[in-house]
Amino acid sequence: MAKTKTIYDKLQPEVKSALQGSARKYDSAKRLKYTLMSKTMWYELTIDDMRELLSYGNLNSWELDSYSFMYGDNIIKK
């Protein structure tokens, strides 16, 4: 049986790379990384998780549309 992919596993490569770099510098980014590793569905994220993902994943909110926030479009691979 295949392992269920976590949100962390599904992150776009550039977002995952930015988060990994941030996790080496900041404890809160490391906590976010473990949070993403513990969740499999986008809707499980809190608003605070999303805010941190924008910061530590080097994402700009003004470049994302509503589907990015609601479903993870352009942030995770479907």
N, C-alpha and C. Protein backbone atom coordinates (compact mmCIF):
# COMPACT_ATOMS: atom_id res chain seq x y z
N MET A 1 0.84 -1.18 0.00
CA MET A 1 0.00 0.00 0.00
C MET A 1 0.89 1.25 0.00
N ALA A 2 0.54 2.19 -0.85
CA ALA A 2 1.34 3.41 -0.99
C ALA A 2 1.12 4.33 0.21
N LYS A 3 2.19 4.99 0.57
CA LYS A 3 2.12 5.96 1.67
C LYS A 3 1.30 7.18 1.23
N THR A 4 0.40 7.62 2.09
CA THR A 4 -0.39 8.81 1.80
C THR A 4 0.52 10.03 1.85
N LYS A 5 0.46 10.84 0.82
CA LYS A 5 1.31 12.03 0.78
C LYS A 5 0.78 13.10 1.72
N THR A 6 1.69 13.74 2.42
CA THR A 6 1.34 14.84 3.31
C THR A 6 1.36 16.14 2.52
N ILE A 7 0.88 17.19 3.13
CA ILE A 7 0.93 18.50 2.47
C ILE A 7 2.39 18.86 2.20
N TYR A 8 3.27 18.53 3.12
CA TYR A 8 4.69 18.82 2.93
C TYR A 8 5.22 18.10 1.68
N ASP A 9 4.83 16.84 1.51
CA ASP A 9 5.26 16.07 0.33
C ASP A 9 4.77 16.69 -0.97
N LYS A 10 3.59 17.32 -0.92
CA LYS A 10 2.96 17.87 -2.12
C LYS A 10 3.38 19.30 -2.45
N LEU A 11 4.15 19.94 -1.60
CA LEU A 11 4.55 21.33 -1.86
C LEU A 11 5.27 21.46 -3.19
N GLN A 12 5.02 22.56 -3.88
CA GLN A 12 5.76 22.86 -5.10
C GLN A 12 7.25 22.93 -4.73
N PRO A 13 8.14 22.49 -5.61
CA PRO A 13 9.58 22.43 -5.29
C PRO A 13 10.16 23.75 -4.77
N GLU A 14 9.78 24.87 -5.36
CA GLU A 14 10.36 26.15 -4.92
C GLU A 14 9.84 26.55 -3.54
N VAL A 15 8.61 26.19 -3.23
CA VAL A 15 8.05 26.49 -1.91
C VAL A 15 8.72 25.60 -0.86
N LYS A 16 8.88 24.32 -1.18
CA LYS A 16 9.53 23.39 -0.25
C LYS A 16 10.97 23.80 0.02
N SER A 17 11.67 24.21 -1.01
CA SER A 17 13.06 24.64 -0.86
C SER A 17 13.17 25.87 0.05
N ALA A 18 12.28 26.84 -0.15
CA ALA A 18 12.29 28.05 0.69
C ALA A 18 11.96 27.69 2.14
N LEU A 19 11.00 26.79 2.33
CA LEU A 19 10.63 26.38 3.69
C LEU A 19 11.78 25.65 4.37
N GLN A 20 12.47 24.79 3.64
CA GLN A 20 13.62 24.08 4.21
C GLN A 20 14.71 25.04 4.65
N GLY A 21 14.96 26.05 3.83
CA GLY A 21 15.96 27.06 4.20
C GLY A 21 15.54 27.84 5.44
N SER A 22 14.26 28.19 5.52
CA SER A 22 13.76 28.91 6.69
C SER A 22 13.80 28.04 7.94
N ALA A 23 13.53 26.74 7.77
CA ALA A 23 13.51 25.82 8.92
C ALA A 23 14.90 25.68 9.54
N ARG A 24 15.93 25.89 8.74
CA ARG A 24 17.30 25.84 9.29
C ARG A 24 17.59 27.07 10.15
N LYS A 25 16.88 28.16 9.91
CA LYS A 25 17.13 29.41 10.62
C LYS A 25 16.16 29.67 11.77
N TYR A 26 14.90 29.26 11.60
CA TYR A 26 13.85 29.66 12.54
C TYR A 26 13.10 28.45 13.11
N ASP A 27 12.96 28.43 14.43
CA ASP A 27 12.22 27.34 15.08
C ASP A 27 10.76 27.30 14.65
N SER A 28 10.16 28.47 14.45
CA SER A 28 8.74 28.49 14.05
C SER A 28 8.56 27.90 12.65
N ALA A 29 9.53 28.08 11.78
CA ALA A 29 9.47 27.47 10.44
C ALA A 29 9.63 25.96 10.55
N LYS A 30 10.45 25.53 11.47
CA LYS A 30 10.62 24.09 11.70
C LYS A 30 9.32 23.47 12.22
N ARG A 31 8.65 24.18 13.11
CA ARG A 31 7.34 23.70 13.61
C ARG A 31 6.33 23.62 12.48
N LEU A 32 6.33 24.62 11.60
CA LEU A 32 5.42 24.60 10.46
C LEU A 32 5.71 23.40 9.56
N LYS A 33 6.97 23.12 9.35
CA LYS A 33 7.37 21.96 8.53
C LYS A 33 6.78 20.68 9.12
N TYR A 34 6.90 20.50 10.42
CA TYR A 34 6.34 19.31 11.06
C TYR A 34 4.82 19.30 11.02
N THR A 35 4.20 20.47 11.11
CA THR A 35 2.74 20.56 10.98
C THR A 35 2.32 20.10 9.59
N LEU A 36 3.02 20.57 8.57
CA LEU A 36 2.69 20.17 7.20
C LEU A 36 2.94 18.68 6.98
N MET A 37 3.92 18.13 7.69
CA MET A 37 4.21 16.69 7.58
C MET A 37 3.14 15.85 8.27
N SER A 38 2.36 16.47 9.15
CA SER A 38 1.36 15.71 9.91
C SER A 38 -0.05 15.81 9.30
N LYS A 39 -0.20 16.62 8.27
CA LYS A 39 -1.53 16.82 7.67
C LYS A 39 -1.51 16.37 6.21
N THR A 40 -2.63 15.79 5.79
CA THR A 40 -2.71 15.29 4.41
C THR A 40 -3.66 16.10 3.54
N MET A 41 -4.56 16.84 4.13
CA MET A 41 -5.56 17.59 3.37
C MET A 41 -5.39 19.09 3.60
N TRP A 42 -5.52 19.86 2.53
CA TRP A 42 -5.32 21.30 2.59
C TRP A 42 -6.24 21.97 3.61
N TYR A 43 -7.49 21.50 3.70
CA TYR A 43 -8.46 22.13 4.60
C TYR A 43 -8.11 21.96 6.08
N GLU A 44 -7.15 21.12 6.40
CA GLU A 44 -6.73 20.93 7.78
C GLU A 44 -5.86 22.09 8.29
N LEU A 45 -5.34 22.89 7.38
CA LEU A 45 -4.48 24.00 7.79
C LEU A 45 -5.29 25.12 8.42
N THR A 46 -4.70 25.75 9.41
CA THR A 46 -5.33 26.92 10.03
C THR A 46 -4.92 28.17 9.27
N ILE A 47 -5.57 29.26 9.57
CA ILE A 47 -5.19 30.53 8.96
C ILE A 47 -3.76 30.88 9.36
N ASP A 48 -3.39 30.59 10.59
CA ASP A 48 -2.03 30.86 11.05
C ASP A 48 -1.01 30.00 10.29
N ASP A 49 -1.35 28.73 10.03
CA ASP A 49 -0.45 27.87 9.24
C ASP A 49 -0.24 28.49 7.86
N MET A 50 -1.31 28.96 7.27
CA MET A 50 -1.23 29.56 5.93
C MET A 50 -0.39 30.83 5.96
N ARG A 51 -0.58 31.63 6.99
CA ARG A 51 0.21 32.87 7.13
C ARG A 51 1.70 32.54 7.21
N GLU A 52 2.04 31.53 8.01
CA GLU A 52 3.44 31.14 8.14
C GLU A 52 3.98 30.55 6.83
N LEU A 53 3.14 29.80 6.13
CA LEU A 53 3.57 29.24 4.85
C LEU A 53 3.87 30.35 3.84
N LEU A 54 3.08 31.41 3.86
CA LEU A 54 3.36 32.55 2.99
C LEU A 54 4.72 33.16 3.34
N SER A 55 4.98 33.30 4.63
CA SER A 55 6.25 33.91 5.07
C SER A 55 7.45 33.01 4.79
N TYR A 56 7.39 31.79 5.28
CA TYR A 56 8.55 30.90 5.21
C TYR A 56 8.69 30.18 3.87
N GLY A 57 7.62 30.15 3.09
CA GLY A 57 7.68 29.53 1.77
C GLY A 57 7.99 30.52 0.67
N ASN A 58 8.28 31.75 1.07
CA ASN A 58 8.65 32.82 0.14
C ASN A 58 7.55 33.05 -0.91
N LEU A 59 6.30 33.08 -0.42
CA LEU A 59 5.15 33.32 -1.29
C LEU A 59 4.63 34.73 -1.05
N ASN A 60 4.14 35.36 -2.12
CA ASN A 60 3.55 36.70 -2.01
C ASN A 60 2.05 36.58 -2.15
N SER A 61 1.32 37.01 -1.15
CA SER A 61 -0.14 36.86 -1.16
C SER A 61 -0.79 37.57 -2.34
N TRP A 62 -0.23 38.69 -2.77
CA TRP A 62 -0.84 39.44 -3.86
C TRP A 62 -0.67 38.73 -5.21
N GLU A 63 0.21 37.73 -5.28
CA GLU A 63 0.40 36.97 -6.51
C GLU A 63 -0.49 35.72 -6.56
N LEU A 64 -1.20 35.43 -5.47
CA LEU A 64 -2.03 34.23 -5.39
C LEU A 64 -3.50 34.61 -5.55
N ASP A 65 -4.27 33.70 -6.14
CA ASP A 65 -5.70 33.95 -6.27
C ASP A 65 -6.45 33.22 -5.15
N SER A 66 -7.76 33.38 -5.15
CA SER A 66 -8.57 32.78 -4.07
C SER A 66 -8.45 31.26 -4.05
N TYR A 67 -8.27 30.63 -5.21
CA TYR A 67 -8.14 29.16 -5.24
C TYR A 67 -6.84 28.70 -4.56
N SER A 68 -5.83 29.53 -4.59
CA SER A 68 -4.58 29.19 -3.90
C SER A 68 -4.82 29.10 -2.40
N PHE A 69 -5.59 30.02 -1.88
CA PHE A 69 -5.87 30.01 -0.45
C PHE A 69 -6.86 28.91 -0.06
N MET A 70 -7.86 28.70 -0.90
CA MET A 70 -8.90 27.73 -0.55
C MET A 70 -8.49 26.29 -0.83
N TYR A 71 -7.71 26.07 -1.90
CA TYR A 71 -7.41 24.69 -2.32
C TYR A 71 -5.93 24.40 -2.48
N GLY A 72 -5.07 25.38 -2.27
CA GLY A 72 -3.64 25.16 -2.39
C GLY A 72 -3.10 25.26 -3.80
N ASP A 73 -3.92 25.73 -4.75
CA ASP A 73 -3.46 25.88 -6.12
C ASP A 73 -2.20 26.76 -6.15
N ASN A 74 -1.23 26.36 -6.95
CA ASN A 74 0.06 27.05 -7.10
C ASN A 74 0.96 26.95 -5.87
N ILE A 75 0.52 26.21 -4.86
CA ILE A 75 1.34 26.00 -3.65
C ILE A 75 1.68 24.52 -3.50
N ILE A 76 0.68 23.68 -3.76
CA ILE A 76 0.92 22.23 -3.71
C ILE A 76 0.63 21.61 -5.07
N LYS A 77 1.23 20.44 -5.30
CA LYS A 77 0.95 19.67 -6.51
C LYS A 77 -0.29 18.86 -6.29
N LYS A 78 -1.17 18.83 -7.23
CA LYS A 78 -2.42 18.07 -7.10
C LYS A 78 -2.22 16.62 -7.48
